[in-house]
Amino acid sequence: MTVVALLSVAPVIEGSMSGEVAKAVAALDEFDVSYETNPMGTVIEAGDIDTLLAAVGAAHKAVDADRVSTVLKIDDKRTSETSARAKVDAVEDHLGRPARDSS
């Protein structure tokens, strides 16, 4: 089983959040997950929900701020094996082109 999630962890601070966000992303390296960061969050893939939740907890705790905002969306498709890339591939098949703006 593969669990796919979209995670956004951010300190509630003035100015750039990138240093603290980098700490959250780096915390994922301690777990058996794969991930890809984009401008709006990080897509994480884990073999099971427990691994995913442990990685998310570590990412949340890694941010050093008085207040931290974390948003998590989980796709736990239990009847078949899938991946984040397969989800994008399916959309691109329907589009007939890459699912990104080339401009």
N, C-alpha and C. Protein backbone atom coordinates (compact mmCIF):
# COMPACT_ATOMS: atom_id res chain seq x y z
N MET A 1 0.85 -1.18 0.00
CA MET A 1 0.00 0.00 0.00
C MET A 1 0.89 1.23 0.00
N THR A 2 0.51 2.24 -0.75
CA THR A 2 1.20 3.52 -0.73
C THR A 2 0.21 4.59 -0.28
N VAL A 3 0.63 5.39 0.66
CA VAL A 3 -0.16 6.52 1.13
C VAL A 3 0.48 7.77 0.56
N VAL A 4 -0.33 8.61 -0.10
CA VAL A 4 0.16 9.85 -0.68
C VAL A 4 -0.46 11.00 0.10
N ALA A 5 0.35 12.01 0.40
CA ALA A 5 -0.16 13.14 1.17
C ALA A 5 0.42 14.45 0.66
N LEU A 6 -0.33 15.51 0.87
CA LEU A 6 0.15 16.86 0.62
C LEU A 6 0.31 17.54 1.97
N LEU A 7 1.52 17.98 2.26
CA LEU A 7 1.84 18.58 3.56
C LEU A 7 2.30 20.01 3.36
N SER A 8 1.79 20.90 4.18
CA SER A 8 2.26 22.28 4.22
C SER A 8 2.51 22.63 5.68
N VAL A 9 3.76 22.92 6.01
CA VAL A 9 4.13 23.31 7.37
C VAL A 9 4.78 24.69 7.27
N ALA A 10 4.28 25.63 8.05
CA ALA A 10 4.82 26.99 7.99
C ALA A 10 4.75 27.66 9.35
N PRO A 11 5.81 28.37 9.70
CA PRO A 11 5.75 29.17 10.93
C PRO A 11 4.88 30.39 10.68
N VAL A 12 4.24 30.86 11.70
CA VAL A 12 3.46 32.09 11.57
C VAL A 12 4.39 33.21 12.02
N ILE A 13 5.10 33.78 11.05
CA ILE A 13 6.10 34.82 11.31
C ILE A 13 6.06 35.87 10.22
N GLU A 14 6.68 36.99 10.48
CA GLU A 14 6.85 38.03 9.46
C GLU A 14 8.09 37.68 8.64
N GLY A 15 8.09 38.05 7.39
CA GLY A 15 9.27 37.81 6.55
C GLY A 15 9.29 36.42 5.95
N SER A 16 10.45 36.04 5.48
CA SER A 16 10.62 34.77 4.79
C SER A 16 10.46 33.58 5.73
N MET A 17 9.74 32.58 5.25
CA MET A 17 9.54 31.34 6.00
C MET A 17 10.47 30.24 5.51
N SER A 18 11.24 30.48 4.46
CA SER A 18 11.96 29.41 3.77
C SER A 18 12.94 28.65 4.67
N GLY A 19 13.61 29.32 5.57
CA GLY A 19 14.55 28.63 6.46
C GLY A 19 13.86 27.63 7.36
N GLU A 20 12.72 28.00 7.90
CA GLU A 20 11.97 27.11 8.77
C GLU A 20 11.30 25.99 7.98
N VAL A 21 10.81 26.32 6.80
CA VAL A 21 10.22 25.29 5.93
C VAL A 21 11.29 24.27 5.56
N ALA A 22 12.51 24.72 5.31
CA ALA A 22 13.61 23.80 5.00
C ALA A 22 13.86 22.84 6.15
N LYS A 23 13.72 23.29 7.39
CA LYS A 23 13.87 22.40 8.54
C LYS A 23 12.80 21.31 8.53
N ALA A 24 11.58 21.69 8.19
CA ALA A 24 10.49 20.72 8.13
C ALA A 24 10.76 19.68 7.04
N VAL A 25 11.20 20.13 5.88
CA VAL A 25 11.49 19.21 4.78
C VAL A 25 12.66 18.30 5.15
N ALA A 26 13.69 18.84 5.75
CA ALA A 26 14.86 18.04 6.15
C ALA A 26 14.47 16.96 7.15
N ALA A 27 13.50 17.23 8.00
CA ALA A 27 13.07 16.23 8.99
C ALA A 27 12.51 14.98 8.33
N LEU A 28 12.01 15.09 7.12
CA LEU A 28 11.45 13.94 6.41
C LEU A 28 12.52 12.92 6.05
N ASP A 29 13.78 13.37 5.96
CA ASP A 29 14.87 12.47 5.58
C ASP A 29 15.11 11.36 6.60
N GLU A 30 14.60 11.51 7.80
CA GLU A 30 14.79 10.51 8.85
C GLU A 30 13.80 9.35 8.74
N PHE A 31 12.91 9.40 7.74
CA PHE A 31 11.85 8.41 7.61
C PHE A 31 11.89 7.74 6.24
N ASP A 32 11.30 6.58 6.16
CA ASP A 32 11.25 5.83 4.91
C ASP A 32 10.09 6.36 4.05
N VAL A 33 10.28 7.59 3.57
CA VAL A 33 9.29 8.24 2.70
C VAL A 33 10.03 8.85 1.52
N SER A 34 9.29 9.07 0.45
CA SER A 34 9.83 9.87 -0.64
C SER A 34 9.00 11.15 -0.68
N TYR A 35 9.59 12.21 -1.18
CA TYR A 35 8.85 13.48 -1.20
C TYR A 35 9.36 14.39 -2.30
N GLU A 36 8.49 15.32 -2.67
CA GLU A 36 8.83 16.35 -3.64
C GLU A 36 8.21 17.66 -3.15
N THR A 37 9.03 18.66 -3.00
CA THR A 37 8.56 19.96 -2.54
C THR A 37 8.20 20.83 -3.74
N ASN A 38 7.11 21.56 -3.61
CA ASN A 38 6.68 22.51 -4.64
C ASN A 38 6.36 23.83 -3.96
N PRO A 39 5.98 24.86 -4.69
CA PRO A 39 5.76 26.17 -4.06
C PRO A 39 4.66 26.21 -3.00
N MET A 40 3.75 25.25 -3.01
CA MET A 40 2.62 25.28 -2.09
C MET A 40 2.67 24.22 -1.00
N GLY A 41 3.67 23.34 -1.04
CA GLY A 41 3.75 22.29 -0.04
C GLY A 41 4.69 21.19 -0.47
N THR A 42 4.57 20.05 0.17
CA THR A 42 5.40 18.90 -0.12
C THR A 42 4.52 17.67 -0.27
N VAL A 43 4.66 16.98 -1.39
CA VAL A 43 3.95 15.73 -1.61
C VAL A 43 4.82 14.62 -1.04
N ILE A 44 4.23 13.80 -0.18
CA ILE A 44 4.96 12.73 0.49
C ILE A 44 4.32 11.39 0.13
N GLU A 45 5.15 10.37 -0.09
CA GLU A 45 4.67 9.02 -0.29
C GLU A 45 5.30 8.12 0.77
N ALA A 46 4.46 7.31 1.40
CA ALA A 46 4.94 6.38 2.42
C ALA A 46 4.27 5.03 2.20
N GLY A 47 4.88 3.99 2.71
CA GLY A 47 4.33 2.65 2.56
C GLY A 47 3.12 2.39 3.43
N ASP A 48 2.97 3.18 4.50
CA ASP A 48 1.83 2.98 5.39
C ASP A 48 1.53 4.28 6.13
N ILE A 49 0.35 4.32 6.69
CA ILE A 49 -0.13 5.54 7.36
C ILE A 49 0.69 5.87 8.60
N ASP A 50 1.16 4.88 9.33
CA ASP A 50 1.92 5.15 10.54
C ASP A 50 3.25 5.84 10.23
N THR A 51 3.92 5.38 9.17
CA THR A 51 5.17 6.02 8.76
C THR A 51 4.91 7.45 8.31
N LEU A 52 3.84 7.63 7.54
CA LEU A 52 3.49 8.97 7.07
C LEU A 52 3.24 9.91 8.25
N LEU A 53 2.44 9.47 9.21
CA LEU A 53 2.10 10.34 10.34
C LEU A 53 3.31 10.64 11.22
N ALA A 54 4.22 9.70 11.36
CA ALA A 54 5.44 9.95 12.13
C ALA A 54 6.29 11.00 11.42
N ALA A 55 6.40 10.91 10.10
CA ALA A 55 7.19 11.87 9.34
C ALA A 55 6.56 13.26 9.40
N VAL A 56 5.25 13.32 9.30
CA VAL A 56 4.54 14.61 9.38
C VAL A 56 4.73 15.23 10.76
N GLY A 57 4.63 14.43 11.80
CA GLY A 57 4.84 14.94 13.16
C GLY A 57 6.23 15.51 13.33
N ALA A 58 7.23 14.82 12.79
CA ALA A 58 8.61 15.31 12.89
C ALA A 58 8.79 16.61 12.12
N ALA A 59 8.16 16.70 10.94
CA ALA A 59 8.26 17.93 10.15
C ALA A 59 7.63 19.10 10.89
N HIS A 60 6.49 18.86 11.50
CA HIS A 60 5.81 19.91 12.27
C HIS A 60 6.67 20.37 13.45
N LYS A 61 7.24 19.43 14.17
CA LYS A 61 8.05 19.76 15.34
C LYS A 61 9.38 20.42 14.98
N ALA A 62 9.86 20.22 13.75
CA ALA A 62 11.15 20.78 13.34
C ALA A 62 11.12 22.30 13.16
N VAL A 63 9.94 22.85 12.98
CA VAL A 63 9.81 24.30 12.77
C VAL A 63 9.92 25.00 14.11
N ASP A 64 10.84 25.96 14.17
CA ASP A 64 11.10 26.71 15.41
C ASP A 64 10.37 28.05 15.36
N ALA A 65 9.18 28.08 15.93
CA ALA A 65 8.39 29.31 15.95
C ALA A 65 7.40 29.22 17.11
N ASP A 66 6.91 30.37 17.55
CA ASP A 66 5.91 30.38 18.61
C ASP A 66 4.59 29.78 18.16
N ARG A 67 4.36 29.85 16.84
CA ARG A 67 3.12 29.33 16.27
C ARG A 67 3.45 28.68 14.94
N VAL A 68 2.93 27.47 14.70
CA VAL A 68 3.18 26.73 13.47
C VAL A 68 1.84 26.30 12.88
N SER A 69 1.67 26.56 11.59
CA SER A 69 0.45 26.16 10.89
C SER A 69 0.78 24.97 9.98
N THR A 70 0.09 23.86 10.20
CA THR A 70 0.32 22.66 9.40
C THR A 70 -1.00 22.20 8.78
N VAL A 71 -0.95 21.96 7.47
CA VAL A 71 -2.11 21.46 6.74
C VAL A 71 -1.70 20.13 6.11
N LEU A 72 -2.54 19.11 6.27
CA LEU A 72 -2.23 17.78 5.76
C LEU A 72 -3.46 17.22 5.03
N LYS A 73 -3.24 16.78 3.81
CA LYS A 73 -4.28 16.10 3.03
C LYS A 73 -3.74 14.73 2.69
N ILE A 74 -4.48 13.66 3.05
CA ILE A 74 -4.02 12.29 2.87
C ILE A 74 -4.92 11.56 1.88
N ASP A 75 -4.28 10.84 0.94
CA ASP A 75 -4.99 9.93 0.04
C ASP A 75 -4.50 8.53 0.38
N ASP A 76 -5.32 7.78 1.09
CA ASP A 76 -4.98 6.43 1.53
C ASP A 76 -5.86 5.45 0.76
N LYS A 77 -5.49 5.18 -0.49
CA LYS A 77 -6.27 4.28 -1.34
C LYS A 77 -5.91 2.85 -0.96
N ARG A 78 -6.79 2.19 -0.27
CA ARG A 78 -6.49 0.89 0.33
C ARG A 78 -6.74 -0.30 -0.58
N THR A 79 -7.39 -0.09 -1.71
CA THR A 79 -7.74 -1.21 -2.58
C THR A 79 -6.74 -1.46 -3.69
N SER A 80 -5.79 -0.54 -3.91
CA SER A 80 -4.80 -0.74 -4.96
C SER A 80 -3.56 0.07 -4.67
N GLU A 81 -2.48 -0.33 -5.30
CA GLU A 81 -1.19 0.36 -5.16
C GLU A 81 -1.14 1.49 -6.19
N THR A 82 -0.73 2.66 -5.75
CA THR A 82 -0.60 3.80 -6.67
C THR A 82 0.53 4.69 -6.19
N SER A 83 0.85 5.69 -6.97
CA SER A 83 1.90 6.63 -6.59
C SER A 83 1.47 8.03 -7.01
N ALA A 84 2.16 9.01 -6.46
CA ALA A 84 1.88 10.39 -6.85
C ALA A 84 2.14 10.57 -8.34
N ARG A 85 3.22 9.99 -8.85
CA ARG A 85 3.54 10.12 -10.27
C ARG A 85 2.45 9.51 -11.13
N ALA A 86 1.89 8.37 -10.72
CA ALA A 86 0.82 7.73 -11.48
C ALA A 86 -0.42 8.62 -11.54
N LYS A 87 -0.68 9.35 -10.48
CA LYS A 87 -1.82 10.27 -10.47
C LYS A 87 -1.62 11.39 -11.49
N VAL A 88 -0.42 11.93 -11.53
CA VAL A 88 -0.11 12.99 -12.51
C VAL A 88 -0.14 12.42 -13.92
N ASP A 89 0.42 11.23 -14.11
CA ASP A 89 0.41 10.60 -15.43
C ASP A 89 -1.01 10.42 -15.95
N ALA A 90 -1.94 10.04 -15.09
CA ALA A 90 -3.33 9.85 -15.51
C ALA A 90 -3.95 11.16 -15.99
N VAL A 91 -3.67 12.24 -15.29
CA VAL A 91 -4.18 13.55 -15.72
C VAL A 91 -3.55 13.95 -17.05
N GLU A 92 -2.24 13.73 -17.18
CA GLU A 92 -1.56 14.08 -18.43
C GLU A 92 -2.06 13.25 -19.60
N ASP A 93 -2.43 11.99 -19.36
CA ASP A 93 -3.03 11.17 -20.42
C ASP A 93 -4.32 11.80 -20.93
N HIS A 94 -5.14 12.30 -20.03
CA HIS A 94 -6.39 12.96 -20.43
C HIS A 94 -6.11 14.27 -21.15
N LEU A 95 -5.11 15.01 -20.68
CA LEU A 95 -4.77 16.28 -21.31
C LEU A 95 -4.12 16.09 -22.68
N GLY A 96 -3.37 15.01 -22.81
CA GLY A 96 -2.60 14.80 -24.03
C GLY A 96 -1.32 15.63 -24.06
N ARG A 97 -0.90 16.07 -22.88
CA ARG A 97 0.30 16.91 -22.76
C ARG A 97 0.73 16.94 -21.30
N PRO A 98 1.94 17.45 -21.02
CA PRO A 98 2.35 17.60 -19.63
C PRO A 98 1.39 18.53 -18.87
N ALA A 99 1.18 18.26 -17.61
CA ALA A 99 0.29 19.06 -16.77
C ALA A 99 1.06 20.21 -16.13
N ARG A 100 1.64 21.03 -16.96
CA ARG A 100 2.36 22.21 -16.46
C ARG A 100 2.34 23.27 -17.53
N ASP A 101 2.44 24.49 -17.10
CA ASP A 101 2.48 25.63 -18.01
C ASP A 101 3.91 25.81 -18.49
N SER A 102 4.11 25.89 -19.77
CA SER A 102 5.47 26.00 -20.31
C SER A 102 5.91 27.44 -20.53
N SER A 103 5.08 28.39 -20.16
CA SER A 103 5.48 29.81 -20.37
C SER A 103 6.33 30.35 -19.26
